[in-house]
């Protein structure tokens, strides 16, 4: 079943599993979200639901936003986001989506706005190399250098790396694992890092990736030129 929720990034920490292994995690304050609108095939041509997150004073909303939420009969919400879900037809306006919609072991995709780094050069923005610091490099060690020779090609091809705005763009990290869920604290603990600063808005939904259960002997190659292919028993013993 497809699931989705809106949340805020609290920050990163680490926890320990049953074997004592350290797991870096990101804590997200997820929900509670309220269904503020329901899209149907008859009226909109597709099926989806709009979720609202975080209470706000009505005076801080525009008149169209306030009227939209009043029509739905829900309290004023600061953030609204539409999700196309398979089970959207079974949801109704006013339904509450909480953190326990997800469970430990779920695989999710997290979307957020990455940290902004302002206007940066090619070395920091694209990982370009500088010139040598010796032999008369002069004050141009971090400059871009010449581009587009005058005879041919007499122009710069599209996609050429250059200085410019870095970060502050929508990023989706796929295939992250939910480590822990606390419904009372509206908390979802996710393994690994997610985009955005502390307090940044994030959208969590089921991953689009397909997960396959790893079968026994999956690490054994069928290529006879590889060691695991020549001696599968030795490879199995080593992996075990």
C-alpha atoms as a PDB file:
ATOM      1  CA  UNK A   1       0.000   0.000   0.000  1.00  0.00           C
ATOM      2  CA  UNK A   2       1.309   3.456  -0.895  1.00  0.00           C
ATOM      3  CA  UNK A   3       1.807   5.850   2.013  1.00  0.00           C
ATOM      4  CA  UNK A   4       2.968   9.440   2.383  1.00  0.00           C
ATOM      5  CA  UNK A   5       3.411  12.074   5.076  1.00  0.00           C
ATOM      6  CA  UNK A   6       4.851  15.572   5.544  1.00  0.00           C
ATOM      7  CA  UNK A   7       7.449  16.289   8.215  1.00  0.00           C
ATOM      8  CA  UNK A   8      10.278  18.466   9.465  1.00  0.00           C
ATOM      9  CA  UNK A   9      13.908  17.452   9.773  1.00  0.00           C
ATOM     10  CA  UNK A  10      14.994  17.585  13.418  1.00  0.00           C
ATOM     11  CA  UNK A  11      18.625  16.572  12.940  1.00  0.00           C
ATOM     12  CA  UNK A  12      21.040  13.636  12.857  1.00  0.00           C
ATOM     13  CA  UNK A  13      22.223  11.343  15.619  1.00  0.00           C
ATOM     14  CA  UNK A  14      23.244   7.721  16.024  1.00  0.00           C
ATOM     15  CA  UNK A  15      21.714   4.665  17.638  1.00  0.00           C
ATOM     16  CA  UNK A  16      22.902   1.136  18.347  1.00  0.00           C
ATOM     17  CA  UNK A  17      21.245  -2.034  17.122  1.00  0.00           C
ATOM     18  CA  UNK A  18      20.972  -5.343  19.004  1.00  0.00           C
ATOM     19  CA  UNK A  19      24.498  -6.357  18.011  1.00  0.00           C
ATOM     20  CA  UNK A  20      26.027  -3.072  19.144  1.00  0.00           C
ATOM     21  CA  UNK A  21      26.541  -1.745  15.631  1.00  0.00           C
ATOM     22  CA  UNK A  22      26.336   2.043  15.240  1.00  0.00           C
ATOM     23  CA  UNK A  23      23.660   3.290  12.833  1.00  0.00           C
ATOM     24  CA  UNK A  24      23.695   6.946  11.694  1.00  0.00           C
ATOM     25  CA  UNK A  25      20.110   8.169  11.583  1.00  0.00           C
ATOM     26  CA  UNK A  26      18.054  11.263  10.843  1.00  0.00           C
ATOM     27  CA  UNK A  27      15.145  12.148  13.113  1.00  0.00           C
ATOM     28  CA  UNK A  28      12.053  13.575  11.419  1.00  0.00           C
ATOM     29  CA  UNK A  29       9.002  15.086  13.106  1.00  0.00           C
ATOM     30  CA  UNK A  30       6.363  13.560  10.841  1.00  0.00           C
ATOM     31  CA  UNK A  31       2.761  14.707  11.032  1.00  0.00           C
ATOM     32  CA  UNK A  32       0.132  14.664  12.187  1.00  0.00           C
ATOM     33  CA  UNK A  33      -1.211  15.606   8.752  1.00  0.00           C
ATOM     34  CA  UNK A  34      -4.843  16.230   7.857  1.00  0.00           C
ATOM     35  CA  UNK A  35      -6.481  15.431   4.533  1.00  0.00           C
ATOM     36  CA  UNK A  36      -7.566  18.857   3.255  1.00  0.00           C
ATOM     37  CA  UNK A  37      -8.751  17.888  -0.221  1.00  0.00           C
ATOM     38  CA  UNK A  38      -9.627  14.765  -2.157  1.00  0.00           C
ATOM     39  CA  UNK A  39      -9.180  14.581  -5.932  1.00  0.00           C
ATOM     40  CA  UNK A  40     -11.400  12.168  -7.868  1.00  0.00           C
ATOM     41  CA  UNK A  41     -11.571  10.980 -11.461  1.00  0.00           C
ATOM     42  CA  UNK A  42     -15.032  12.508 -11.904  1.00  0.00           C
ATOM     43  CA  UNK A  43     -14.074  16.034 -10.874  1.00  0.00           C
ATOM     44  CA  UNK A  44     -10.314  16.221 -11.504  1.00  0.00           C
ATOM     45  CA  UNK A  45      -9.475  13.390 -13.880  1.00  0.00           C
ATOM     46  CA  UNK A  46      -7.194  11.579 -11.416  1.00  0.00           C
ATOM     47  CA  UNK A  47      -7.136  10.283  -7.846  1.00  0.00           C
ATOM     48  CA  UNK A  48      -5.052  12.002  -5.157  1.00  0.00           C
ATOM     49  CA  UNK A  49      -5.227  13.552  -1.710  1.00  0.00           C
ATOM     50  CA  UNK A  50      -3.907  16.850  -0.391  1.00  0.00           C
ATOM     51  CA  UNK A  51      -2.329  16.788   3.069  1.00  0.00           C
ATOM     52  CA  UNK A  52      -1.943  19.747   5.415  1.00  0.00           C
ATOM     53  CA  UNK A  53       0.834  20.004   7.994  1.00  0.00           C
ATOM     54  CA  UNK A  54       1.590  22.295  10.948  1.00  0.00           C
ATOM     55  CA  UNK A  55      -1.037  24.546  12.520  1.00  0.00           C
ATOM     56  CA  UNK A  56      -0.769  28.267  11.809  1.00  0.00           C
ATOM     57  CA  UNK A  57      -2.791  31.405  12.596  1.00  0.00           C
ATOM     58  CA  UNK A  58      -5.447  32.042   9.990  1.00  0.00           C
ATOM     59  CA  UNK A  59      -4.252  35.667   9.717  1.00  0.00           C
ATOM     60  CA  UNK A  60      -0.984  34.399   8.223  1.00  0.00           C
ATOM     61  CA  UNK A  61      -2.772  32.722   5.312  1.00  0.00           C
ATOM     62  CA  UNK A  62      -3.963  34.384   2.147  1.00  0.00           C
ATOM     63  CA  UNK A  63      -7.716  34.649   1.660  1.00  0.00           C
ATOM     64  CA  UNK A  64      -7.771  31.901  -1.005  1.00  0.00           C
ATOM     65  CA  UNK A  65      -5.795  29.562   1.289  1.00  0.00           C
ATOM     66  CA  UNK A  66      -8.026  30.310   4.277  1.00  0.00           C
ATOM     67  CA  UNK A  67     -11.164  29.839   2.190  1.00  0.00           C
ATOM     68  CA  UNK A  68      -9.876  26.551   0.797  1.00  0.00           C
ATOM     69  CA  UNK A  69      -9.299  25.144   4.290  1.00  0.00           C
ATOM     70  CA  UNK A  70     -12.583  26.515   5.657  1.00  0.00           C
ATOM     71  CA  UNK A  71     -14.441  24.767   2.851  1.00  0.00           C
ATOM     72  CA  UNK A  72     -12.762  21.526   3.889  1.00  0.00           C
ATOM     73  CA  UNK A  73     -13.713  22.144   7.514  1.00  0.00           C
ATOM     74  CA  UNK A  74     -10.164  21.766   8.856  1.00  0.00           C
ATOM     75  CA  UNK A  75      -7.921  24.058  10.892  1.00  0.00           C
ATOM     76  CA  UNK A  76      -5.499  26.434   9.208  1.00  0.00           C
ATOM     77  CA  UNK A  77      -2.356  24.655   7.999  1.00  0.00           C
ATOM     78  CA  UNK A  78       0.955  26.174   6.980  1.00  0.00           C
ATOM     79  CA  UNK A  79       2.006  23.569   4.408  1.00  0.00           C
ATOM     80  CA  UNK A  80      -0.108  21.770   1.800  1.00  0.00           C
ATOM     81  CA  UNK A  81       1.095  18.973  -0.468  1.00  0.00           C
ATOM     82  CA  UNK A  82      -0.687  16.686  -2.889  1.00  0.00           C
ATOM     83  CA  UNK A  83       0.139  12.988  -3.130  1.00  0.00           C
ATOM     84  CA  UNK A  84      -1.063  10.478  -5.709  1.00  0.00           C
ATOM     85  CA  UNK A  85      -1.681   7.317  -3.703  1.00  0.00           C
ATOM     86  CA  UNK A  86      -3.312   4.015  -4.609  1.00  0.00           C
ATOM     87  CA  UNK A  87      -5.502   4.148  -1.494  1.00  0.00           C
ATOM     88  CA  UNK A  88      -6.490   7.789  -1.962  1.00  0.00           C
ATOM     89  CA  UNK A  89     -10.033   6.802  -2.927  1.00  0.00           C
ATOM     90  CA  UNK A  90     -10.539   5.282   0.536  1.00  0.00           C
ATOM     91  CA  UNK A  91      -9.421   8.452   2.358  1.00  0.00           C
ATOM     92  CA  UNK A  92     -11.761  11.311   3.241  1.00  0.00           C
ATOM     93  CA  UNK A  93     -11.346  14.987   4.024  1.00  0.00           C
ATOM     94  CA  UNK A  94     -10.549  15.390   7.717  1.00  0.00           C
ATOM     95  CA  UNK A  95      -8.724  12.070   8.087  1.00  0.00           C
ATOM     96  CA  UNK A  96      -5.534  12.299  10.120  1.00  0.00           C
ATOM     97  CA  UNK A  97      -2.270  10.732   8.918  1.00  0.00           C
ATOM     98  CA  UNK A  98       0.194  10.041  11.730  1.00  0.00           C
ATOM     99  CA  UNK A  99       3.765   8.819  11.949  1.00  0.00           C
ATOM    100  CA  UNK A 100       2.649   5.251  12.653  1.00  0.00           C
ATOM    101  CA  UNK A 101       1.467   5.086   9.033  1.00  0.00           C
ATOM    102  CA  UNK A 102       5.028   3.882   8.485  1.00  0.00           C
ATOM    103  CA  UNK A 103       6.723   1.091  10.421  1.00  0.00           C
ATOM    104  CA  UNK A 104      10.265   0.008  11.142  1.00  0.00           C
ATOM    105  CA  UNK A 105      11.681  -1.836   8.156  1.00  0.00           C
ATOM    106  CA  UNK A 106       9.800   0.198   5.534  1.00  0.00           C
ATOM    107  CA  UNK A 107      11.774   1.548   2.580  1.00  0.00           C
ATOM    108  CA  UNK A 108      11.067   5.153   1.698  1.00  0.00           C
ATOM    109  CA  UNK A 109      12.017   8.087  -0.526  1.00  0.00           C
ATOM    110  CA  UNK A 110      12.582  11.473   1.130  1.00  0.00           C
ATOM    111  CA  UNK A 111      12.237  14.747  -0.778  1.00  0.00           C
ATOM    112  CA  UNK A 112      13.453  18.105   0.514  1.00  0.00           C
ATOM    113  CA  UNK A 113      15.201  21.351  -0.409  1.00  0.00           C
ATOM    114  CA  UNK A 114      18.981  20.972  -0.118  1.00  0.00           C
ATOM    115  CA  UNK A 115      21.107  23.401   1.860  1.00  0.00           C
ATOM    116  CA  UNK A 116      21.921  26.559  -0.074  1.00  0.00           C
ATOM    117  CA  UNK A 117      25.618  27.418  -0.504  1.00  0.00           C
ATOM    118  CA  UNK A 118      25.246  30.639  -2.478  1.00  0.00           C
ATOM    119  CA  UNK A 119      27.289  31.491  -5.574  1.00  0.00           C
ATOM    120  CA  UNK A 120      30.236  29.104  -5.802  1.00  0.00           C
ATOM    121  CA  UNK A 121      33.049  28.415  -8.245  1.00  0.00           C
ATOM    122  CA  UNK A 122      33.714  25.285 -10.265  1.00  0.00           C
ATOM    123  CA  UNK A 123      36.076  23.756  -7.679  1.00  0.00           C
ATOM    124  CA  UNK A 124      33.515  23.636  -4.879  1.00  0.00           C
ATOM    125  CA  UNK A 125      30.434  23.311  -7.098  1.00  0.00           C
ATOM    126  CA  UNK A 126      31.636  20.640  -9.534  1.00  0.00           C
ATOM    127  CA  UNK A 127      34.849  19.268  -8.001  1.00  0.00           C
ATOM    128  CA  UNK A 128      37.076  20.772 -10.714  1.00  0.00           C
ATOM    129  CA  UNK A 129      40.863  20.902 -10.253  1.00  0.00           C
ATOM    130  CA  UNK A 130      42.963  24.016  -9.842  1.00  0.00           C
ATOM    131  CA  UNK A 131      46.235  24.664 -11.672  1.00  0.00           C
ATOM    132  CA  UNK A 132      49.651  23.950 -10.143  1.00  0.00           C
ATOM    133  CA  UNK A 133      50.727  26.341  -7.423  1.00  0.00           C
ATOM    134  CA  UNK A 134      54.272  26.514  -8.880  1.00  0.00           C
ATOM    135  CA  UNK A 135      55.943  27.581 -12.145  1.00  0.00           C
ATOM    136  CA  UNK A 136      54.329  30.949 -12.625  1.00  0.00           C
ATOM    137  CA  UNK A 137      50.692  30.079 -12.090  1.00  0.00           C
ATOM    138  CA  UNK A 138      49.971  33.621 -11.070  1.00  0.00           C
ATOM    139  CA  UNK A 139      46.696  34.664  -9.449  1.00  0.00           C
ATOM    140  CA  UNK A 140      44.556  32.355 -11.602  1.00  0.00           C
ATOM    141  CA  UNK A 141      44.857  29.017  -9.797  1.00  0.00           C
ATOM    142  CA  UNK A 142      41.103  28.678  -9.274  1.00  0.00           C
ATOM    143  CA  UNK A 143      39.952  30.402 -12.472  1.00  0.00           C
ATOM    144  CA  UNK A 144      37.985  28.563 -15.134  1.00  0.00           C
ATOM    145  CA  UNK A 145      40.540  29.065 -17.905  1.00  0.00           C
ATOM    146  CA  UNK A 146      39.879  29.364 -21.623  1.00  0.00           C
ATOM    147  CA  UNK A 147      36.725  27.851 -23.115  1.00  0.00           C
ATOM    148  CA  UNK A 148      35.578  27.557 -26.711  1.00  0.00           C
ATOM    149  CA  UNK A 149      38.565  27.927 -29.046  1.00  0.00           C
ATOM    150  CA  UNK A 150      38.297  30.733 -31.629  1.00  0.00           C
ATOM    151  CA  UNK A 151      38.722  28.516 -34.710  1.00  0.00           C
ATOM    152  CA  UNK A 152      36.776  25.441 -33.709  1.00  0.00           C
ATOM    153  CA  UNK A 153      34.326  25.102 -32.054  1.00  0.00           C
ATOM    154  CA  UNK A 154      34.024  28.865 -31.608  1.00  0.00           C
ATOM    155  CA  UNK A 155      31.390  28.350 -28.939  1.00  0.00           C
ATOM    156  CA  UNK A 156      30.759  26.691 -25.580  1.00  0.00           C
ATOM    157  CA  UNK A 157      28.733  23.490 -25.641  1.00  0.00           C
ATOM    158  CA  UNK A 158      25.585  23.320 -23.504  1.00  0.00           C
ATOM    159  CA  UNK A 159      26.174  21.645 -20.146  1.00  0.00           C
ATOM    160  CA  UNK A 160      29.669  23.076 -19.641  1.00  0.00           C
ATOM    161  CA  UNK A 161      30.373  23.293 -15.922  1.00  0.00           C
ATOM    162  CA  UNK A 162      30.800  26.752 -14.480  1.00  0.00           C
ATOM    163  CA  UNK A 163      30.323  28.919 -11.435  1.00  0.00           C
ATOM    164  CA  UNK A 164      26.799  29.597 -10.214  1.00  0.00           C
ATOM    165  CA  UNK A 165      24.181  28.977  -7.561  1.00  0.00           C
ATOM    166  CA  UNK A 166      24.948  25.861  -5.514  1.00  0.00           C
ATOM    167  CA  UNK A 167      22.324  23.958  -3.561  1.00  0.00           C
ATOM    168  CA  UNK A 168      18.875  25.278  -2.607  1.00  0.00           C
ATOM    169  CA  UNK A 169      17.156  22.870  -4.998  1.00  0.00           C
ATOM    170  CA  UNK A 170      14.736  19.980  -4.634  1.00  0.00           C
ATOM    171  CA  UNK A 171      16.517  16.699  -3.976  1.00  0.00           C
ATOM    172  CA  UNK A 172      15.077  13.209  -3.487  1.00  0.00           C
ATOM    173  CA  UNK A 173      17.042  10.520  -1.660  1.00  0.00           C
ATOM    174  CA  UNK A 174      15.693   7.104  -2.586  1.00  0.00           C
ATOM    175  CA  UNK A 175      15.708   3.760  -0.861  1.00  0.00           C
ATOM    176  CA  UNK A 176      16.173   4.776   2.779  1.00  0.00           C
ATOM    177  CA  UNK A 177      15.199   2.454   5.616  1.00  0.00           C
ATOM    178  CA  UNK A 178      12.921   3.352   8.507  1.00  0.00           C
ATOM    179  CA  UNK A 179      14.687   2.291  11.708  1.00  0.00           C
ATOM    180  CA  UNK A 180      12.154   3.359  14.341  1.00  0.00           C
ATOM    181  CA  UNK A 181       8.713   4.978  14.620  1.00  0.00           C
ATOM    182  CA  UNK A 182       7.276   6.690  17.716  1.00  0.00           C
ATOM    183  CA  UNK A 183       3.613   7.651  17.249  1.00  0.00           C
ATOM    184  CA  UNK A 184       3.400   9.538  20.565  1.00  0.00           C
ATOM    185  CA  UNK A 185       6.293  11.844  19.658  1.00  0.00           C
ATOM    186  CA  UNK A 186       5.339  11.978  15.949  1.00  0.00           C
ATOM    187  CA  UNK A 187       8.843  10.746  15.210  1.00  0.00           C
ATOM    188  CA  UNK A 188      10.270   8.739  12.328  1.00  0.00           C
ATOM    189  CA  UNK A 189      13.910   7.688  12.564  1.00  0.00           C
ATOM    190  CA  UNK A 190      15.495   7.132   9.148  1.00  0.00           C
ATOM    191  CA  UNK A 191      18.809   5.414   8.442  1.00  0.00           C
ATOM    192  CA  UNK A 192      21.255   7.762   6.727  1.00  0.00           C
ATOM    193  CA  UNK A 193      21.097  11.414   5.708  1.00  0.00           C
ATOM    194  CA  UNK A 194      18.255  13.329   4.065  1.00  0.00           C
ATOM    195  CA  UNK A 195      18.349  16.666   2.205  1.00  0.00           C
ATOM    196  CA  UNK A 196      17.892  20.045   3.841  1.00  0.00           C
ATOM    197  CA  UNK A 197      18.863  21.895   7.016  1.00  0.00           C
ATOM    198  CA  UNK A 198      17.510  21.358  10.509  1.00  0.00           C
ATOM    199  CA  UNK A 199      13.886  22.432  10.516  1.00  0.00           C
ATOM    200  CA  UNK A 200      13.588  21.912   6.752  1.00  0.00           C
ATOM    201  CA  UNK A 201      10.354  20.575   5.287  1.00  0.00           C
ATOM    202  CA  UNK A 202      10.493  17.020   3.900  1.00  0.00           C
ATOM    203  CA  UNK A 203       8.056  14.733   2.102  1.00  0.00           C
ATOM    204  CA  UNK A 204       8.183  11.026   2.908  1.00  0.00           C
ATOM    205  CA  UNK A 205       6.620   8.336   0.736  1.00  0.00           C
ATOM    206  CA  UNK A 206       7.095   4.685  -0.217  1.00  0.00           C
ATOM    207  CA  UNK A 207      10.176   4.055  -2.302  1.00  0.00           C
ATOM    208  CA  UNK A 208       9.806   3.571  -6.038  1.00  0.00           C
ATOM    209  CA  UNK A 209      12.578   0.978  -5.925  1.00  0.00           C
ATOM    210  CA  UNK A 210      11.806  -2.726  -6.082  1.00  0.00           C
ATOM    211  CA  UNK A 211      13.325  -4.774  -3.276  1.00  0.00           C
ATOM    212  CA  UNK A 212      14.356  -8.335  -3.959  1.00  0.00           C
ATOM    213  CA  UNK A 213      15.158 -10.837  -1.237  1.00  0.00           C
ATOM    214  CA  UNK A 214      18.781 -11.902  -1.522  1.00  0.00           C
ATOM    215  CA  UNK A 215      18.955 -15.631  -2.196  1.00  0.00           C
ATOM    216  CA  UNK A 216      21.620 -18.017  -0.980  1.00  0.00           C
ATOM    217  CA  UNK A 217      24.594 -18.068  -3.280  1.00  0.00           C
ATOM    218  CA  UNK A 218      23.843 -14.648  -4.776  1.00  0.00           C
ATOM    219  CA  UNK A 219      27.463 -13.599  -4.296  1.00  0.00           C
ATOM    220  CA  UNK A 220      28.757 -16.561  -6.326  1.00  0.00           C
ATOM    221  CA  UNK A 221      29.639 -15.540  -9.864  1.00  0.00           C
ATOM    222  CA  UNK A 222      28.826 -17.619 -12.938  1.00  0.00           C
ATOM    223  CA  UNK A 223      31.943 -16.308 -14.631  1.00  0.00           C
ATOM    224  CA  UNK A 224      34.626 -19.067 -14.565  1.00  0.00           C
ATOM    225  CA  UNK A 225      37.340 -16.400 -14.725  1.00  0.00           C
ATOM    226  CA  UNK A 226      36.388 -15.203 -11.240  1.00  0.00           C
ATOM    227  CA  UNK A 227      37.494 -17.017  -8.107  1.00  0.00           C
ATOM    228  CA  UNK A 228      33.950 -17.450  -6.823  1.00  0.00           C
ATOM    229  CA  UNK A 229      32.973 -19.050 -10.139  1.00  0.00           C
ATOM    230  CA  UNK A 230      35.861 -21.548 -10.095  1.00  0.00           C
ATOM    231  CA  UNK A 231      35.326 -22.609  -6.487  1.00  0.00           C
ATOM    232  CA  UNK A 232      31.756 -21.891  -5.300  1.00  0.00           C
ATOM    233  CA  UNK A 233      32.197 -23.862  -2.041  1.00  0.00           C
ATOM    234  CA  UNK A 234      35.155 -21.728  -1.009  1.00  0.00           C
ATOM    235  CA  UNK A 235      33.219 -18.545  -1.848  1.00  0.00           C
ATOM    236  CA  UNK A 236      30.203 -19.713   0.177  1.00  0.00           C
ATOM    237  CA  UNK A 237      32.390 -20.501   3.182  1.00  0.00           C
ATOM    238  CA  UNK A 238      34.072 -17.105   2.956  1.00  0.00           C
ATOM    239  CA  UNK A 239      30.756 -15.226   2.766  1.00  0.00           C
ATOM    240  CA  UNK A 240      29.329 -17.214   5.628  1.00  0.00           C
END
